[in-house]
Amino acid sequence: MKRLVLLIALACASGLGQTPPPPAAPVDAAVTPPAAPAVAKPHFFFRRWPDWLVKFDPVLDREVAQVQFQGGVAHSQVLAHDQRRLFMTTAQRSQVEVIDLATMKILDTHTFKQDGYIIRVDSVKECPGGTHWYVKVDRVKALPDHFVIEEPEWLYYRLKDQEIEKRSKELPKEIRSGARISPDGKSWHVFGRDLVILDGATLKETGKIELSAPLYGGMGALSVGGEDFFDGKNHKAYRMIYRMRDPVKKNRSLSGLVDLDLETMKIGNLVEWGSNVPGGRLEISLDKKIGVTESFSGGGRGRESGENEIRLITYDLVAGRMVREGVGKFRNGLGLAAVSPDGKKSYLVGRGHELVVLDEFHQPLRTIEFGGELDGSILTTVVE
């Protein structure tokens, strides 16, 4: 008994002088933990009749958002240099709406109406620095009893104040053909016989990469352009598909991948594919490893039956070779418009309300129907 009393006394003594633990904080059921930051992922964007822009998840194959244009039917679209905004021509082609692709909200509206005239925006060309556009407009003078079609104009347009700084009949000759904004957004890069670098403000030449000069004996001039495999994220280089006339078999072209070094102003690494990849348009996967192209057959029989035979070909853009092909009959008007980010699905769209999804073997996987006719093109970009 004495032993038990002693043990109890020691246990009580060990707890003396200790601060009891604080009571647990009450649980507030209304408190929500902070949401995880949005992850940038690829989406498709396309127009749906009459006046909607659809945001589509190509992984889940479903619509995730939409926005309605303020000015009704859209007639054209231009992706901004930052690849986060879209310039849509609406209001019977008299205005341009700027849409944020992440939030699917209209950020701004630029109107080009002019008293006494019917103005139609024909094209929008963003300028380096992001402060100006070149806007081509068609002009029709509205007189009391008739209309007079006037010559088109190019407007040098200041975005901040929504003011036209200058009107001209043509674009400056230095950027009339093959001009795009540099990856860093500061210069004009003009792709032609050579790649010419122009100052964004003065249009003075600041550099050149000679594409027309053969790299070695027997090699011809390179023709490059189209999609940058770096998606503009590399400010020091381009990686593009090149074409070159075969020096031996003059009636065919050779192709491959070439890097254009914007620091040394020289042609960098070059990978030759031979004549395995065709010169037509390729829809390219996000990782730039897979490309898909199409060809049509069927002729008059296809038109009579309401169907066309479409041949789709998948290419390995690392090795530069064909890996598979598939042939199927599809409704007239449908055509290849995009591939999924991983290159395993192809999408057909055009002159109708459905989006046809094909698997990696180019066989029908599913058909997704929308509440209005779809535009025949799909824009792919990465947004949050």
Protein backbone atom coordinates (compact mmCIF):
# COMPACT_ATOMS: atom_id res chain seq x y z
CA MET A 1 0.00 0.00 0.00
CA LYS A 2 2.79 2.40 0.89
CA ARG A 3 4.45 1.57 -2.45
CA LEU A 4 1.26 2.52 -4.36
CA VAL A 5 0.89 5.83 -2.48
CA LEU A 6 4.54 6.68 -3.26
CA LEU A 7 4.09 6.07 -7.00
CA ILE A 8 0.99 8.28 -7.11
CA ALA A 9 2.80 11.08 -5.27
CA LEU A 10 5.76 10.93 -7.71
CA ALA A 11 3.41 11.05 -10.71
CA CYS A 12 1.63 14.13 -9.35
CA ALA A 13 4.94 15.82 -8.51
CA SER A 14 6.23 15.31 -12.12
CA GLY A 15 3.28 17.34 -13.45
CA LEU A 16 3.87 20.32 -11.18
CA GLY A 17 5.11 23.50 -12.88
CA GLN A 18 4.06 22.41 -16.41
CA THR A 19 1.78 24.61 -18.51
CA PRO A 20 -1.25 22.73 -19.75
CA PRO A 21 -1.53 22.54 -23.56
CA PRO A 22 -3.67 25.26 -25.15
CA PRO A 23 -7.17 24.24 -26.14
CA ALA A 24 -7.59 23.27 -29.77
CA ALA A 25 -8.73 26.08 -32.03
CA PRO A 26 -12.38 25.78 -32.97
CA VAL A 27 -13.00 24.42 -36.43
CA ASP A 28 -14.66 26.98 -38.71
CA ALA A 29 -16.56 25.08 -41.35
CA ALA A 30 -16.85 28.27 -43.43
CA VAL A 31 -13.08 28.59 -43.90
CA THR A 32 -11.96 27.16 -47.26
CA PRO A 33 -8.29 26.36 -47.88
CA PRO A 34 -6.69 28.49 -50.60
CA ALA A 35 -7.18 27.11 -54.07
CA ALA A 36 -4.17 25.70 -55.86
CA PRO A 37 -2.80 27.99 -58.54
CA ALA A 38 -4.15 27.39 -62.01
CA VAL A 39 -1.97 25.20 -64.16
CA ALA A 40 -1.28 26.32 -67.71
CA LYS A 41 -2.51 23.70 -70.16
CA PRO A 42 -3.29 23.55 -73.86
CA HIS A 43 -6.79 24.35 -75.08
CA PHE A 44 -8.56 24.61 -78.41
CA PHE A 45 -10.43 27.78 -79.35
CA PHE A 46 -12.94 28.00 -82.19
CA ARG A 47 -15.96 30.04 -83.20
CA ARG A 48 -19.51 28.74 -82.94
CA TRP A 49 -22.36 30.28 -84.85
CA PRO A 50 -23.64 32.84 -84.48
CA ASP A 51 -21.50 34.81 -82.00
CA TRP A 52 -19.62 32.60 -79.56
CA LEU A 53 -16.00 31.68 -78.90
CA VAL A 54 -15.62 28.18 -77.44
CA LYS A 55 -12.80 27.04 -75.15
CA PHE A 56 -12.32 23.28 -75.48
CA ASP A 57 -10.23 20.83 -73.45
CA PRO A 58 -8.58 18.39 -75.91
CA VAL A 59 -7.60 16.00 -73.12
CA LEU A 60 -11.15 15.52 -71.82
CA ASP A 61 -12.74 16.32 -75.21
CA ARG A 62 -15.31 18.69 -73.80
CA GLU A 63 -16.21 22.38 -73.83
CA VAL A 64 -15.02 24.16 -70.66
CA ALA A 65 -15.97 27.81 -71.30
CA GLN A 66 -17.46 30.18 -73.83
CA VAL A 67 -17.78 33.91 -74.36
CA GLN A 68 -20.29 35.83 -76.47
CA PHE A 69 -19.02 38.61 -78.72
CA GLN A 70 -20.38 42.09 -78.10
CA GLY A 71 -20.68 42.89 -81.79
CA GLY A 72 -22.42 39.78 -83.08
CA VAL A 73 -20.92 37.45 -85.69
CA ALA A 74 -17.12 37.34 -85.83
CA HIS A 75 -15.47 37.39 -89.25
CA SER A 76 -11.78 36.82 -88.49
CA GLN A 77 -9.38 36.22 -85.64
CA VAL A 78 -5.71 36.93 -84.87
CA LEU A 79 -3.74 35.44 -81.99
CA ALA A 80 -1.73 38.07 -80.10
CA HIS A 81 2.04 37.76 -79.78
CA ASP A 82 1.69 36.84 -76.09
CA GLN A 83 -0.56 33.92 -77.12
CA ARG A 84 -2.96 34.84 -74.33
CA ARG A 85 -5.29 37.18 -76.21
CA LEU A 86 -7.35 36.93 -79.35
CA PHE A 87 -8.32 39.80 -81.66
CA MET A 88 -11.80 39.16 -83.11
CA THR A 89 -13.37 41.28 -85.89
CA THR A 90 -17.09 41.81 -85.17
CA ALA A 91 -19.92 44.37 -85.61
CA GLN A 92 -20.15 43.77 -89.37
CA ARG A 93 -16.35 44.01 -89.48
CA SER A 94 -16.28 47.55 -88.04
CA GLN A 95 -14.64 46.74 -84.68
CA VAL A 96 -12.06 44.50 -83.04
CA GLU A 97 -12.74 42.83 -79.70
CA VAL A 98 -9.80 41.75 -77.52
CA ILE A 99 -10.51 38.53 -75.61
CA ASP A 100 -8.47 37.13 -72.73
CA LEU A 101 -8.19 33.40 -73.40
CA ALA A 102 -7.51 32.43 -69.78
CA THR A 103 -10.61 34.12 -68.33
CA MET A 104 -12.70 34.11 -71.53
CA LYS A 105 -13.64 37.75 -70.97
CA ILE A 106 -13.64 40.71 -73.34
CA LEU A 107 -10.85 43.07 -72.30
CA ASP A 108 -11.38 45.90 -74.77
CA THR A 109 -13.19 46.96 -77.92
CA HIS A 110 -11.69 49.09 -80.73
CA THR A 111 -14.14 50.68 -83.16
CA PHE A 112 -13.13 51.91 -86.63
CA LYS A 113 -16.40 53.48 -87.79
CA GLN A 114 -16.18 56.73 -89.76
CA ASP A 115 -18.96 59.17 -90.54
CA GLY A 116 -20.09 59.00 -94.15
CA TYR A 117 -18.33 55.67 -94.77
CA ILE A 118 -18.92 51.97 -94.39
CA ILE A 119 -15.71 50.65 -92.85
CA ARG A 120 -14.74 46.98 -92.94
CA VAL A 121 -11.68 45.73 -91.04
CA ASP A 122 -9.81 43.38 -93.35
CA SER A 123 -6.81 42.44 -91.16
CA VAL A 124 -4.99 43.33 -87.94
CA LYS A 125 -1.21 43.19 -87.62
CA GLU A 126 0.27 43.63 -84.15
CA CYS A 127 3.48 45.70 -83.91
CA PRO A 128 6.58 45.08 -81.76
CA GLY A 129 6.24 46.56 -78.30
CA GLY A 130 2.50 45.94 -78.14
CA THR A 131 1.56 49.63 -78.34
CA HIS A 132 0.32 49.80 -81.96
CA TRP A 133 -1.50 47.86 -84.63
CA TYR A 134 -1.48 48.09 -88.38
CA VAL A 135 -5.13 47.74 -89.40
CA LYS A 136 -6.18 47.26 -93.01
CA VAL A 137 -9.67 48.62 -93.75
CA ASP A 138 -11.90 48.56 -96.81
CA ARG A 139 -13.75 51.86 -97.33
CA VAL A 140 -17.10 52.50 -99.03
CA LYS A 141 -18.29 56.10 -99.23
CA ALA A 142 -22.04 56.36 -98.59
CA LEU A 143 -23.53 59.09 -100.79
CA PRO A 144 -27.26 60.03 -100.79
CA ASP A 145 -28.12 57.91 -103.82
CA HIS A 146 -25.20 55.54 -104.33
CA PHE A 147 -22.01 54.07 -102.88
CA VAL A 148 -18.41 54.64 -103.98
CA ILE A 149 -15.86 51.93 -103.30
CA GLU A 150 -12.56 53.58 -102.39
CA GLU A 151 -9.05 52.19 -102.16
CA PRO A 152 -8.24 50.20 -98.98
CA GLU A 153 -6.18 51.93 -96.30
CA TRP A 154 -3.65 50.83 -93.70
CA LEU A 155 -4.11 52.56 -90.35
CA TYR A 156 -1.24 52.92 -87.88
CA TYR A 157 -3.31 52.69 -84.72
CA ARG A 158 -2.27 53.61 -81.13
CA LEU A 159 -3.98 51.24 -78.71
CA LYS A 160 -3.75 53.25 -75.48
CA ASP A 161 -5.64 56.28 -76.81
CA GLN A 162 -7.52 54.43 -79.56
CA GLU A 163 -6.23 56.96 -82.06
CA ILE A 164 -5.19 56.64 -85.70
CA GLU A 165 -1.70 58.12 -85.98
CA LYS A 166 -1.23 57.65 -89.70
CA ARG A 167 -3.08 56.50 -92.82
CA SER A 168 -1.35 54.98 -95.84
CA LYS A 169 -2.19 52.99 -98.96
CA GLU A 170 0.32 50.26 -98.21
CA LEU A 171 2.23 48.75 -95.33
CA PRO A 172 5.84 49.91 -95.14
CA LYS A 173 7.60 47.92 -97.86
CA GLU A 174 10.05 46.44 -95.35
CA ILE A 175 7.27 44.41 -93.66
CA ARG A 176 4.82 43.75 -96.49
CA SER A 177 5.71 40.10 -96.81
CA GLY A 178 6.81 37.45 -94.34
CA ALA A 179 7.08 39.77 -91.31
CA ARG A 180 6.41 38.61 -87.76
CA ILE A 181 7.25 39.91 -84.30
CA SER A 182 10.49 38.53 -82.84
CA PRO A 183 10.25 36.06 -79.92
CA ASP A 184 11.31 38.79 -77.46
CA GLY A 185 8.63 41.12 -78.85
CA LYS A 186 11.03 43.95 -79.71
CA SER A 187 11.81 43.61 -83.43
CA TRP A 188 10.39 42.68 -86.81
CA HIS A 189 11.66 39.40 -88.25
CA VAL A 190 11.08 39.20 -92.00
CA PHE A 191 11.29 35.73 -93.57
CA GLY A 192 12.07 35.75 -97.26
CA ARG A 193 15.18 34.88 -99.20
CA ASP A 194 16.98 35.49 -95.90
CA LEU A 195 15.85 36.24 -92.35
CA VAL A 196 16.15 40.01 -91.93
CA ILE A 197 15.97 41.66 -88.49
CA LEU A 198 14.44 45.15 -88.38
CA ASP A 199 14.26 47.67 -85.55
CA GLY A 200 10.68 47.68 -84.27
CA ALA A 201 10.37 51.48 -84.39
CA THR A 202 12.61 52.68 -87.24
CA LEU A 203 12.44 49.58 -89.51
CA LYS A 204 16.20 49.86 -89.97
CA GLU A 205 17.99 46.58 -90.61
CA THR A 206 19.92 45.42 -87.53
CA GLY A 207 20.89 41.91 -88.56
CA LYS A 208 20.50 39.10 -91.06
CA ILE A 209 20.72 35.32 -91.22
CA GLU A 210 21.59 34.23 -94.74
CA LEU A 211 19.31 31.38 -95.70
CA SER A 212 20.12 31.70 -99.39
CA ALA A 213 23.85 30.95 -98.95
CA PRO A 214 24.56 27.18 -99.26
CA LEU A 215 26.07 25.64 -96.14
CA TYR A 216 28.17 23.29 -98.24
CA GLY A 217 28.79 22.37 -101.86
CA GLY A 218 25.74 20.99 -103.63
CA MET A 219 23.31 22.29 -101.02
CA GLY A 220 20.65 24.75 -102.10
CA ALA A 221 19.01 27.69 -100.38
CA LEU A 222 16.77 27.00 -97.40
CA SER A 223 13.15 28.07 -97.30
CA VAL A 224 11.88 28.34 -93.71
CA GLY A 225 8.80 29.64 -91.99
CA GLY A 226 5.62 28.42 -90.41
CA GLU A 227 5.52 27.14 -86.86
CA ASP A 228 8.36 27.84 -84.43
CA PHE A 229 9.04 24.60 -82.54
CA PHE A 230 10.06 26.71 -79.52
CA ASP A 231 6.64 28.47 -79.57
CA GLY A 232 8.38 31.82 -79.14
CA LYS A 233 9.64 30.85 -75.66
CA ASN A 234 13.29 30.81 -76.73
CA HIS A 235 14.38 34.40 -77.36
CA LYS A 236 17.76 33.29 -78.69
CA ALA A 237 16.72 30.96 -81.50
CA TYR A 238 14.06 29.59 -83.83
CA ARG A 239 13.58 25.93 -84.68
CA MET A 240 11.63 25.44 -87.89
CA ILE A 241 10.97 23.02 -90.70
CA TYR A 242 13.01 23.89 -93.77
CA ARG A 243 12.48 23.00 -97.41
CA MET A 244 15.18 22.75 -100.05
CA ARG A 245 15.21 21.69 -103.66
CA ASP A 246 16.92 18.33 -104.07
CA PRO A 247 20.26 19.07 -105.80
CA VAL A 248 20.12 15.69 -107.60
CA LYS A 249 16.42 15.10 -108.30
CA LYS A 250 15.35 18.60 -109.21
CA ASN A 251 11.63 17.74 -109.31
CA ARG A 252 11.36 17.07 -105.56
CA SER A 253 12.07 18.87 -102.30
CA LEU A 254 14.02 17.84 -99.24
CA SER A 255 13.08 18.85 -95.72
CA GLY A 256 14.28 18.78 -92.14
CA LEU A 257 14.66 20.82 -88.98
CA VAL A 258 16.94 23.82 -88.67
CA ASP A 259 17.87 26.11 -85.78
CA LEU A 260 18.37 29.82 -86.49
CA ASP A 261 20.71 31.34 -83.89
CA LEU A 262 19.57 34.91 -83.15
CA GLU A 263 22.73 35.70 -81.17
CA THR A 264 25.38 34.70 -83.70
CA MET A 265 23.05 35.41 -86.67
CA LYS A 266 23.95 32.07 -88.21
CA ILE A 267 22.29 28.81 -89.15
CA GLY A 268 22.74 26.44 -86.23
CA ASN A 269 21.95 22.75 -85.92
CA LEU A 270 20.40 21.17 -89.01
CA VAL A 271 18.71 17.75 -89.14
CA GLU A 272 17.99 16.35 -92.59
CA TRP A 273 14.85 14.26 -93.11
CA GLY A 274 15.18 13.70 -96.83
CA SER A 275 12.00 13.72 -98.89
CA ASN A 276 9.90 11.80 -96.39
CA VAL A 277 7.78 14.66 -95.03
CA PRO A 278 5.49 16.39 -97.56
CA GLY A 279 5.48 20.11 -98.19
CA GLY A 280 1.81 20.59 -97.28
CA ARG A 281 0.37 21.87 -94.02
CA LEU A 282 1.06 19.82 -90.90
CA GLU A 283 -0.96 19.90 -87.69
CA ILE A 284 1.73 19.49 -85.02
CA SER A 285 1.49 18.14 -81.46
CA LEU A 286 2.41 20.33 -78.49
CA ASP A 287 5.73 18.53 -77.91
CA LYS A 288 6.56 18.91 -81.63
CA LYS A 289 7.21 15.19 -82.01
CA ILE A 290 4.16 14.27 -84.10
CA GLY A 291 2.72 15.85 -87.23
CA VAL A 292 -0.44 14.89 -89.12
CA THR A 293 -1.39 15.90 -92.65
CA GLU A 294 -4.28 15.05 -94.95
CA SER A 295 -5.11 14.45 -98.58
CA PHE A 296 -8.47 14.04 -100.29
CA SER A 297 -9.72 11.66 -102.96
CA GLY A 298 -13.09 10.62 -104.30
CA GLY A 299 -13.71 13.39 -106.83
CA GLY A 300 -17.22 13.61 -108.25
CA ARG A 301 -18.42 10.39 -106.62
CA GLY A 302 -17.66 11.93 -103.23
CA ARG A 303 -19.74 14.98 -104.01
CA GLU A 304 -22.67 12.90 -105.26
CA SER A 305 -22.73 10.66 -102.19
CA GLY A 306 -22.18 13.52 -99.78
CA GLU A 307 -18.90 11.96 -98.65
CA ASN A 308 -15.22 12.46 -99.26
CA GLU A 309 -12.41 9.99 -98.76
CA ILE A 310 -9.76 11.54 -96.49
CA ARG A 311 -6.29 10.06 -96.12
CA LEU A 312 -4.51 11.07 -92.91
CA ILE A 313 -0.79 10.49 -92.46
CA THR A 314 1.13 10.63 -89.19
CA TYR A 315 4.80 11.61 -89.20
CA ASP A 316 7.52 11.25 -86.61
CA LEU A 317 9.03 14.76 -86.59
CA VAL A 318 12.11 13.59 -84.66
CA ALA A 319 13.15 10.97 -87.20
CA GLY A 320 11.41 12.65 -90.13
CA ARG A 321 9.51 9.62 -91.36
CA MET A 322 5.97 8.39 -91.86
CA VAL A 323 4.74 6.09 -89.10
CA ARG A 324 1.15 5.33 -90.11
CA GLU A 325 -1.73 6.30 -92.34
CA GLY A 326 -5.46 5.82 -92.31
CA VAL A 327 -8.24 6.30 -94.86
CA GLY A 328 -11.87 7.00 -94.07
CA LYS A 329 -15.03 8.39 -95.63
CA PHE A 330 -16.41 11.50 -93.99
CA ARG A 331 -19.09 14.06 -94.69
CA ASN A 332 -18.27 16.67 -97.32
CA GLY A 333 -16.89 19.82 -95.76
CA LEU A 334 -14.99 18.12 -92.96
CA GLY A 335 -11.22 18.47 -92.89
CA LEU A 336 -8.26 18.15 -90.55
CA ALA A 337 -8.17 21.12 -88.15
CA ALA A 338 -6.03 20.07 -85.17
CA VAL A 339 -4.26 17.30 -83.30
CA SER A 340 -4.34 16.67 -79.56
CA PRO A 341 -1.40 17.89 -77.42
CA ASP A 342 0.08 14.37 -77.34
CA GLY A 343 -0.51 13.82 -81.06
CA LYS A 344 -2.68 10.74 -80.49
CA LYS A 345 -5.98 12.23 -81.64
CA SER A 346 -6.96 14.14 -84.75
CA TYR A 347 -9.91 16.50 -85.12
CA LEU A 348 -12.04 17.10 -88.20
CA VAL A 349 -14.30 20.14 -88.46
CA GLY A 350 -15.91 22.33 -91.09
CA ARG A 351 -19.28 23.47 -92.47
CA GLY A 352 -21.36 21.87 -89.76
CA HIS A 353 -22.08 21.69 -86.05
CA GLU A 354 -20.02 18.60 -85.19
CA LEU A 355 -16.41 17.98 -84.15
CA VAL A 356 -15.20 14.53 -85.23
CA VAL A 357 -12.47 12.99 -83.08
CA LEU A 358 -10.21 10.27 -84.53
CA ASP A 359 -7.84 8.00 -82.62
CA GLU A 360 -4.12 7.60 -83.28
CA PHE A 361 -4.89 5.13 -86.09
CA HIS A 362 -7.22 7.74 -87.71
CA GLN A 363 -10.35 5.79 -86.96
CA PRO A 364 -13.52 7.51 -85.59
CA LEU A 365 -13.43 7.74 -81.81
CA ARG A 366 -16.36 10.04 -81.04
CA THR A 367 -18.44 12.87 -82.48
CA ILE A 368 -19.17 15.95 -80.38
CA GLU A 369 -22.15 18.07 -81.38
CA PHE A 370 -22.58 21.76 -80.64
CA GLY A 371 -25.56 24.09 -80.68
CA GLY A 372 -24.41 25.95 -83.76
CA GLU A 373 -22.21 25.67 -86.83
CA LEU A 374 -18.47 25.65 -86.17
CA ASP A 375 -15.77 27.60 -87.91
CA GLY A 376 -13.49 25.43 -90.03
CA SER A 377 -10.33 26.27 -88.09
CA ILE A 378 -9.08 25.50 -84.58
CA LEU A 379 -6.58 27.59 -82.67
CA THR A 380 -4.37 25.76 -80.15
CA THR A 381 -2.53 27.63 -77.40
CA VAL A 382 -1.49 27.11 -73.77
CA VAL A 383 -3.37 29.16 -71.17
CA GLU A 384 -4.19 28.84 -67.48
